[in-house]
Each structure stands twice: as structure tokens, then as C-alpha cells.
Amino acid sequence: MFTKTLIRLGCGTALACAAASPVFAQDYGAMIRQSLARQQAAVDAATQRVNGAVQQRMQDPQVQAAYQQYAWRMQQSGRRPMDFAAFTYQYIYTNGFSAGGVAHARANEAGIAQREAAAVQGLRQAEQNRAQAMQAQRDGYFRNQQEAGRGLMGQSTYTAPNGVPVALPHTWQPNTTQLYQGSTYHVDASGQYHVLAANGWWYPVTPQR
């Protein structure tokens, strides 16, 4: 059980590290593997220390007597007792199955579960952020390509008063009025484009940046 607890804690930490680090596509997998390798090394070292402590306490007459009582109760109730090594670990983990030790062990398990859930959620958020960033990059590249194509045709993208992008020729000269695709535009002396609205007012049309 202790090994499982360590592995859960290690994996949770690895996931949290993955969520907090930059998530570039080219090194994302390598980052995960390196983090997991470091955590596995820590888990292995901790497991060795725990196994040593368990083996030592298995020689303790007090622990042996407690196990004999536990095994007898389990057998009397028709249940199969855990092996002596597992019992000894639980004995250490709960400070001799004391009320305070059991409460501490349960609180520790609950804390690990919460950190693990938070780490998983952080990883999912990081993956979502990466996907959104990659999509935004693709969208930006596509827009730039479109704008370059319009530029070759003598057009640029402007923003209408209602916020809608509209492609207009950027070759119109100052102090001219143009009828284009059902709308009337006027270019003032400074080169600013305006569109005539249904209410008879002129509104500026600004180039997109």
C-alpha cells in the first residue's frame, strides 16, 4: 500500500510539473518522460527505505504479538488476514493502530487524492491551452496568407462600423467616392475610408492591424 501511495504521489507531482512547464510540441513528450523518471527514482529510493524499516520492525516482539492477535480475530470472523509484512507496514503507518495514527493516515491519503486530482486537472488545462495556442497560430498563419493574397489583388481588410471585417481596394484615391458591392464609400483628403449608412451618416472604416 505504501508503494502505491508513493507512486500516486510521484505521478501527481509529475503531472503538476507537466502542467506548469512550457508545452512546446517538440519537447512536450520528453519533458513528461524526464519528470516521470525523476519521480520513479525518488519512489524507488523511498520504497527501499520503507522496506528496510518494515523488515526491522517485523523483528519487534510487540509487533509480532499484535499480528498474532489480529490474525486470530480475522480467522475467528472467517476472514483472511493480511500477511505479516503488510500488517507491519500498517502498524508503522498508523503508529500502532492508534486513533491519532489512523486519523493521520486517512488525512494523508485524502491529501494525496486531492493533489493527484488537482495535478490531473492542471495537465488537462495545459493540454487545452497548448491546443488553443496551436490553433491560434494556424488561424493567424491562414489570415496572414489570405491578407497577402488580397494584397496581391490590390485589396486590404478593413473593419466596418459594426465590427465586421470587409475586404476593400486600397488603391482608391483621396477625395473620391466609390460604389462597391452595394455600398457607398468615400475617401477623404487624408486617405481615411468612410461608408454611407442607411441613416445618411458617414462612418469611418478602419484598416485592420
C-alpha atoms as a PDB file:
ATOM      1  CA  MET A   1       0.000   0.000   0.000  1.00  0.00           C
ATOM      2  CA  PHE A   2       2.830   2.350   0.838  1.00  0.00           C
ATOM      3  CA  THR A   3       4.381   1.741  -2.587  1.00  0.00           C
ATOM      4  CA  LYS A   4       1.040   2.614  -4.196  1.00  0.00           C
ATOM      5  CA  THR A   5       0.835   5.762  -2.094  1.00  0.00           C
ATOM      6  CA  LEU A   6       4.327   6.813  -3.175  1.00  0.00           C
ATOM      7  CA  ILE A   7       3.581   6.074  -6.815  1.00  0.00           C
ATOM      8  CA  ARG A   8       0.368   8.095  -6.652  1.00  0.00           C
ATOM      9  CA  LEU A   9       2.198  10.996  -5.035  1.00  0.00           C
ATOM     10  CA  GLY A  10       5.022  10.770  -7.547  1.00  0.00           C
ATOM     11  CA  CYS A  11       2.685  10.659 -10.526  1.00  0.00           C
ATOM     12  CA  GLY A  12       0.683  13.558  -9.152  1.00  0.00           C
ATOM     13  CA  THR A  13       3.848  15.635  -8.799  1.00  0.00           C
ATOM     14  CA  ALA A  14       4.950  14.721 -12.294  1.00  0.00           C
ATOM     15  CA  LEU A  15       1.619  15.787 -13.720  1.00  0.00           C
ATOM     16  CA  ALA A  16       1.746  19.058 -11.820  1.00  0.00           C
ATOM     17  CA  CYS A  17       5.236  19.740 -13.208  1.00  0.00           C
ATOM     18  CA  ALA A  18       3.991  18.995 -16.689  1.00  0.00           C
ATOM     19  CA  ALA A  19       1.107  21.409 -16.278  1.00  0.00           C
ATOM     20  CA  ALA A  20       3.320  24.225 -15.026  1.00  0.00           C
ATOM     21  CA  SER A  21       6.045  23.953 -17.688  1.00  0.00           C
ATOM     22  CA  PRO A  22       6.008  25.372 -21.239  1.00  0.00           C
ATOM     23  CA  VAL A  23       4.208  22.963 -23.516  1.00  0.00           C
ATOM     24  CA  PHE A  24       6.008  23.231 -26.833  1.00  0.00           C
ATOM     25  CA  ALA A  25       5.070  20.406 -29.178  1.00  0.00           C
ATOM     26  CA  GLN A  26       8.670  19.408 -29.932  1.00  0.00           C
ATOM     27  CA  ASP A  27       9.713  18.711 -26.305  1.00  0.00           C
ATOM     28  CA  TYR A  28       6.423  18.002 -24.534  1.00  0.00           C
ATOM     29  CA  GLY A  29       6.840  14.214 -24.541  1.00  0.00           C
ATOM     30  CA  ALA A  30      10.494  14.409 -23.460  1.00  0.00           C
ATOM     31  CA  MET A  31       9.574  16.700 -20.578  1.00  0.00           C
ATOM     32  CA  ILE A  32       6.975  14.219 -19.334  1.00  0.00           C
ATOM     33  CA  ARG A  33       9.409  11.284 -19.571  1.00  0.00           C
ATOM     34  CA  GLN A  34      12.172  13.126 -17.710  1.00  0.00           C
ATOM     35  CA  SER A  35       9.812  14.200 -14.956  1.00  0.00           C
ATOM     36  CA  LEU A  36       8.434  10.687 -14.562  1.00  0.00           C
ATOM     37  CA  ALA A  37      11.955   9.226 -14.490  1.00  0.00           C
ATOM     38  CA  ARG A  38      12.966  11.567 -11.656  1.00  0.00           C
ATOM     39  CA  GLN A  39       9.828  10.727  -9.713  1.00  0.00           C
ATOM     40  CA  GLN A  40      10.330   6.998 -10.245  1.00  0.00           C
ATOM     41  CA  ALA A  41      13.871   7.250  -8.879  1.00  0.00           C
ATOM     42  CA  ALA A  42      12.522   9.022  -5.782  1.00  0.00           C
ATOM     43  CA  VAL A  43       9.804   6.380  -5.379  1.00  0.00           C
ATOM     44  CA  ASP A  44      12.340   3.549  -5.670  1.00  0.00           C
ATOM     45  CA  ALA A  45      14.604   5.105  -3.039  1.00  0.00           C
ATOM     46  CA  ALA A  46      11.690   5.709  -0.650  1.00  0.00           C
ATOM     47  CA  THR A  47      10.420   2.161  -1.185  1.00  0.00           C
ATOM     48  CA  GLN A  48      13.809   0.745  -0.249  1.00  0.00           C
ATOM     49  CA  ARG A  49      13.850   2.787   2.957  1.00  0.00           C
ATOM     50  CA  VAL A  50      10.335   1.676   3.873  1.00  0.00           C
ATOM     51  CA  ASN A  51      11.081  -1.965   3.140  1.00  0.00           C
ATOM     52  CA  GLY A  52      14.116  -1.730   5.414  1.00  0.00           C
ATOM     53  CA  ALA A  53      12.035  -0.227   8.206  1.00  0.00           C
ATOM     54  CA  VAL A  54       9.354  -2.900   7.773  1.00  0.00           C
ATOM     55  CA  GLN A  55      11.908  -5.727   7.900  1.00  0.00           C
ATOM     56  CA  GLN A  56      13.375  -4.246  11.062  1.00  0.00           C
ATOM     57  CA  ARG A  57      10.017  -3.843  12.836  1.00  0.00           C
ATOM     58  CA  MET A  58       9.000  -7.376  11.872  1.00  0.00           C
ATOM     59  CA  GLN A  59      11.600  -8.498  14.426  1.00  0.00           C
ATOM     60  CA  ASP A  60       9.884  -6.481  17.178  1.00  0.00           C
ATOM     61  CA  PRO A  61       8.134  -8.799  19.677  1.00  0.00           C
ATOM     62  CA  GLN A  62       5.434  -6.177  20.256  1.00  0.00           C
ATOM     63  CA  VAL A  63       4.585  -6.111  16.533  1.00  0.00           C
ATOM     64  CA  GLN A  64       4.663  -9.906  16.379  1.00  0.00           C
ATOM     65  CA  ALA A  65       2.251 -10.151  19.304  1.00  0.00           C
ATOM     66  CA  ALA A  66      -0.078  -7.569  17.723  1.00  0.00           C
ATOM     67  CA  TYR A  67      -0.097  -9.534  14.478  1.00  0.00           C
ATOM     68  CA  GLN A  68      -0.931 -12.799  16.255  1.00  0.00           C
ATOM     69  CA  GLN A  69      -3.915 -11.135  17.945  1.00  0.00           C
ATOM     70  CA  TYR A  70      -5.033  -9.579  14.652  1.00  0.00           C
ATOM     71  CA  ALA A  71      -4.692 -12.864  12.739  1.00  0.00           C
ATOM     72  CA  TRP A  72      -6.655 -14.718  15.426  1.00  0.00           C
ATOM     73  CA  ARG A  73      -9.529 -12.176  15.262  1.00  0.00           C
ATOM     74  CA  MET A  74      -9.641 -12.369  11.467  1.00  0.00           C
ATOM     75  CA  GLN A  75      -9.716 -16.157  11.494  1.00  0.00           C
ATOM     76  CA  GLN A  76     -12.457 -16.192  14.128  1.00  0.00           C
ATOM     77  CA  SER A  77     -14.583 -13.977  11.887  1.00  0.00           C
ATOM     78  CA  GLY A  78     -13.925 -16.158   8.841  1.00  0.00           C
ATOM     79  CA  ARG A  79     -11.828 -13.581   7.045  1.00  0.00           C
ATOM     80  CA  ARG A  80      -8.352 -13.912   5.620  1.00  0.00           C
ATOM     81  CA  PRO A  81      -5.711 -11.805   7.410  1.00  0.00           C
ATOM     82  CA  MET A  82      -3.164  -9.721   5.540  1.00  0.00           C
ATOM     83  CA  ASP A  83       0.393 -11.043   5.508  1.00  0.00           C
ATOM     84  CA  PHE A  84       2.813 -10.088   8.261  1.00  0.00           C
ATOM     85  CA  ALA A  85       4.793  -7.598   6.125  1.00  0.00           C
ATOM     86  CA  ALA A  86       1.651  -5.704   5.115  1.00  0.00           C
ATOM     87  CA  PHE A  87       0.462  -5.687   8.724  1.00  0.00           C
ATOM     88  CA  THR A  88       3.811  -4.356   9.896  1.00  0.00           C
ATOM     89  CA  TYR A  89       3.674  -1.529   7.360  1.00  0.00           C
ATOM     90  CA  GLN A  90       0.178  -0.603   8.544  1.00  0.00           C
ATOM     91  CA  TYR A  91       1.390  -0.802  12.144  1.00  0.00           C
ATOM     92  CA  ILE A  92       4.132   1.722  11.375  1.00  0.00           C
ATOM     93  CA  TYR A  93       1.913   3.924   9.198  1.00  0.00           C
ATOM     94  CA  THR A  94      -0.805   4.205  11.881  1.00  0.00           C
ATOM     95  CA  ASN A  95       1.547   4.360  14.894  1.00  0.00           C
ATOM     96  CA  GLY A  96       0.430   1.027  16.278  1.00  0.00           C
ATOM     97  CA  PHE A  97      -3.175   1.424  15.025  1.00  0.00           C
ATOM     98  CA  SER A  98      -3.720   4.249  17.497  1.00  0.00           C
ATOM     99  CA  ALA A  99      -6.698   6.565  16.987  1.00  0.00           C
ATOM    100  CA  GLY A 100      -4.432   9.510  16.193  1.00  0.00           C
ATOM    101  CA  GLY A 101      -2.280   7.424  13.867  1.00  0.00           C
ATOM    102  CA  VAL A 102      -5.273   6.108  11.925  1.00  0.00           C
ATOM    103  CA  ALA A 103      -6.713   9.630  11.608  1.00  0.00           C
ATOM    104  CA  HIS A 104      -3.354  10.921  10.353  1.00  0.00           C
ATOM    105  CA  ALA A 105      -3.106   8.117   7.794  1.00  0.00           C
ATOM    106  CA  ARG A 106      -6.606   8.811   6.479  1.00  0.00           C
ATOM    107  CA  ALA A 107      -5.915  12.541   6.258  1.00  0.00           C
ATOM    108  CA  ASN A 108      -2.684  11.831   4.400  1.00  0.00           C
ATOM    109  CA  GLU A 109      -4.493   9.594   1.884  1.00  0.00           C
ATOM    110  CA  ALA A 110      -7.163  12.250   1.349  1.00  0.00           C
ATOM    111  CA  GLY A 111      -4.489  14.906   0.765  1.00  0.00           C
ATOM    112  CA  ILE A 112      -2.725  12.735  -1.784  1.00  0.00           C
ATOM    113  CA  ALA A 113      -6.005  12.137  -3.627  1.00  0.00           C
ATOM    114  CA  GLN A 114      -6.731  15.873  -3.727  1.00  0.00           C
ATOM    115  CA  ARG A 115      -3.256  16.740  -5.016  1.00  0.00           C
ATOM    116  CA  GLU A 116      -3.499  13.992  -7.612  1.00  0.00           C
ATOM    117  CA  ALA A 117      -6.865  15.310  -8.840  1.00  0.00           C
ATOM    118  CA  ALA A 118      -5.500  18.866  -8.981  1.00  0.00           C
ATOM    119  CA  ALA A 119      -2.449  17.699 -10.926  1.00  0.00           C
ATOM    120  CA  VAL A 120      -4.595  15.848 -13.465  1.00  0.00           C
ATOM    121  CA  GLN A 121      -6.798  18.898 -13.874  1.00  0.00           C
ATOM    122  CA  GLY A 122      -3.717  21.082 -14.326  1.00  0.00           C
ATOM    123  CA  LEU A 123      -2.382  18.758 -17.011  1.00  0.00           C
ATOM    124  CA  ARG A 124      -5.686  18.791 -18.859  1.00  0.00           C
ATOM    125  CA  GLN A 125      -5.733  22.597 -18.714  1.00  0.00           C
ATOM    126  CA  ALA A 126      -2.161  22.729 -20.031  1.00  0.00           C
ATOM    127  CA  GLU A 127      -3.077  20.422 -22.907  1.00  0.00           C
ATOM    128  CA  GLN A 128      -6.121  22.558 -23.691  1.00  0.00           C
ATOM    129  CA  ASN A 129      -4.011  25.725 -23.610  1.00  0.00           C
ATOM    130  CA  ARG A 130      -1.473  24.155 -25.922  1.00  0.00           C
ATOM    131  CA  ALA A 131      -4.186  23.072 -28.362  1.00  0.00           C
ATOM    132  CA  GLN A 132      -5.683  26.560 -28.323  1.00  0.00           C
ATOM    133  CA  ALA A 133      -2.273  28.164 -28.869  1.00  0.00           C
ATOM    134  CA  MET A 134      -1.517  25.868 -31.793  1.00  0.00           C
ATOM    135  CA  GLN A 135      -4.940  26.561 -33.321  1.00  0.00           C
ATOM    136  CA  ALA A 136      -4.441  30.301 -32.879  1.00  0.00           C
ATOM    137  CA  GLN A 137      -1.081  30.004 -34.619  1.00  0.00           C
ATOM    138  CA  ARG A 138      -2.664  28.140 -37.529  1.00  0.00           C
ATOM    139  CA  ASP A 139      -5.511  30.649 -37.708  1.00  0.00           C
ATOM    140  CA  GLY A 140      -3.070  33.559 -37.683  1.00  0.00           C
ATOM    141  CA  TYR A 141      -0.995  31.996 -40.442  1.00  0.00           C
ATOM    142  CA  PHE A 142      -4.142  31.420 -42.511  1.00  0.00           C
ATOM    143  CA  ARG A 143      -5.261  35.028 -42.024  1.00  0.00           C
ATOM    144  CA  ASN A 144      -1.836  36.309 -42.985  1.00  0.00           C
ATOM    145  CA  GLN A 145      -1.874  34.199 -46.121  1.00  0.00           C
ATOM    146  CA  GLN A 146      -5.331  35.457 -47.001  1.00  0.00           C
ATOM    147  CA  GLU A 147      -4.285  39.052 -46.423  1.00  0.00           C
ATOM    148  CA  ALA A 148      -1.190  38.556 -48.568  1.00  0.00           C
ATOM    149  CA  GLY A 149      -3.392  37.188 -51.340  1.00  0.00           C
ATOM    150  CA  ARG A 150      -5.720  40.165 -51.112  1.00  0.00           C
ATOM    151  CA  GLY A 151      -2.735  42.488 -51.176  1.00  0.00           C
ATOM    152  CA  LEU A 152      -1.638  40.992 -54.482  1.00  0.00           C
ATOM    153  CA  MET A 153      -5.108  41.788 -55.814  1.00  0.00           C
ATOM    154  CA  GLY A 154      -4.941  45.387 -54.567  1.00  0.00           C
ATOM    155  CA  GLN A 155      -7.170  44.817 -51.536  1.00  0.00           C
ATOM    156  CA  SER A 156      -6.833  45.091 -47.769  1.00  0.00           C
ATOM    157  CA  THR A 157      -9.042  44.097 -44.855  1.00  0.00           C
ATOM    158  CA  TYR A 158     -10.925  46.895 -43.112  1.00  0.00           C
ATOM    159  CA  THR A 159     -13.257  46.890 -40.130  1.00  0.00           C
ATOM    160  CA  ALA A 160     -16.776  48.169 -40.743  1.00  0.00           C
ATOM    161  CA  PRO A 161     -18.598  50.256 -38.101  1.00  0.00           C
ATOM    162  CA  ASN A 162     -20.411  47.115 -36.910  1.00  0.00           C
ATOM    163  CA  GLY A 163     -17.092  45.332 -36.347  1.00  0.00           C
ATOM    164  CA  VAL A 164     -17.377  43.046 -39.354  1.00  0.00           C
ATOM    165  CA  PRO A 165     -14.208  42.693 -41.474  1.00  0.00           C
ATOM    166  CA  VAL A 166     -14.607  43.703 -45.102  1.00  0.00           C
ATOM    167  CA  ALA A 167     -12.147  43.465 -47.993  1.00  0.00           C
ATOM    168  CA  LEU A 168     -11.831  46.760 -49.921  1.00  0.00           C
ATOM    169  CA  PRO A 169      -9.477  48.013 -52.631  1.00  0.00           C
ATOM    170  CA  HIS A 170      -6.662  50.009 -51.035  1.00  0.00           C
ATOM    171  CA  THR A 171      -5.976  51.778 -54.295  1.00  0.00           C
ATOM    172  CA  TRP A 172      -8.808  54.315 -54.008  1.00  0.00           C
ATOM    173  CA  GLN A 173      -7.505  57.834 -54.198  1.00  0.00           C
ATOM    174  CA  PRO A 174      -8.214  60.643 -51.668  1.00  0.00           C
ATOM    175  CA  ASN A 175     -11.266  62.840 -52.243  1.00  0.00           C
ATOM    176  CA  THR A 176     -13.089  60.148 -54.231  1.00  0.00           C
ATOM    177  CA  THR A 177     -16.404  58.385 -53.761  1.00  0.00           C
ATOM    178  CA  GLN A 178     -16.790  54.749 -54.737  1.00  0.00           C
ATOM    179  CA  LEU A 179     -19.768  52.416 -55.164  1.00  0.00           C
ATOM    180  CA  TYR A 180     -18.543  48.961 -54.219  1.00  0.00           C
ATOM    181  CA  GLN A 181     -20.559  45.776 -53.673  1.00  0.00           C
ATOM    182  CA  GLY A 182     -23.776  47.641 -52.944  1.00  0.00           C
ATOM    183  CA  SER A 183     -22.271  50.184 -50.515  1.00  0.00           C
ATOM    184  CA  THR A 184     -21.070  53.750 -50.996  1.00  0.00           C
ATOM    185  CA  TYR A 185     -17.605  54.666 -49.740  1.00  0.00           C
ATOM    186  CA  HIS A 186     -15.786  57.980 -49.588  1.00  0.00           C
ATOM    187  CA  VAL A 187     -12.061  58.533 -49.162  1.00  0.00           C
ATOM    188  CA  ASP A 188     -11.288  61.867 -47.511  1.00  0.00           C
ATOM    189  CA  ALA A 189      -8.228  64.035 -48.115  1.00  0.00           C
ATOM    190  CA  SER A 190      -6.170  62.139 -45.554  1.00  0.00           C
ATOM    191  CA  GLY A 191      -6.952  58.761 -47.128  1.00  0.00           C
ATOM    192  CA  GLN A 192      -9.442  57.726 -44.427  1.00  0.00           C
ATOM    193  CA  TYR A 193     -12.230  55.480 -45.737  1.00  0.00           C
ATOM    194  CA  HIS A 194     -15.872  56.135 -44.791  1.00  0.00           C
ATOM    195  CA  VAL A 195     -19.047  54.200 -45.553  1.00  0.00           C
ATOM    196  CA  LEU A 196     -22.512  55.703 -46.029  1.00  0.00           C
ATOM    197  CA  ALA A 197     -25.026  54.153 -43.619  1.00  0.00           C
ATOM    198  CA  ALA A 198     -28.776  53.775 -44.123  1.00  0.00           C
ATOM    199  CA  ASN A 199     -29.404  56.730 -41.806  1.00  0.00           C
ATOM    200  CA  GLY A 200     -27.493  59.043 -44.136  1.00  0.00           C
ATOM    201  CA  TRP A 201     -24.431  59.384 -41.885  1.00  0.00           C
ATOM    202  CA  TRP A 202     -20.858  58.606 -42.875  1.00  0.00           C
ATOM    203  CA  TYR A 203     -18.919  56.244 -40.608  1.00  0.00           C
ATOM    204  CA  PRO A 204     -15.161  55.553 -40.654  1.00  0.00           C
ATOM    205  CA  VAL A 205     -13.896  52.224 -41.952  1.00  0.00           C
ATOM    206  CA  THR A 206     -10.554  51.423 -40.376  1.00  0.00           C
ATOM    207  CA  PRO A 207      -7.836  49.127 -41.721  1.00  0.00           C
ATOM    208  CA  GLN A 208      -7.103  46.051 -39.653  1.00  0.00           C
ATOM    209  CA  ARG A 209      -3.708  45.836 -37.991  1.00  0.00           C
END
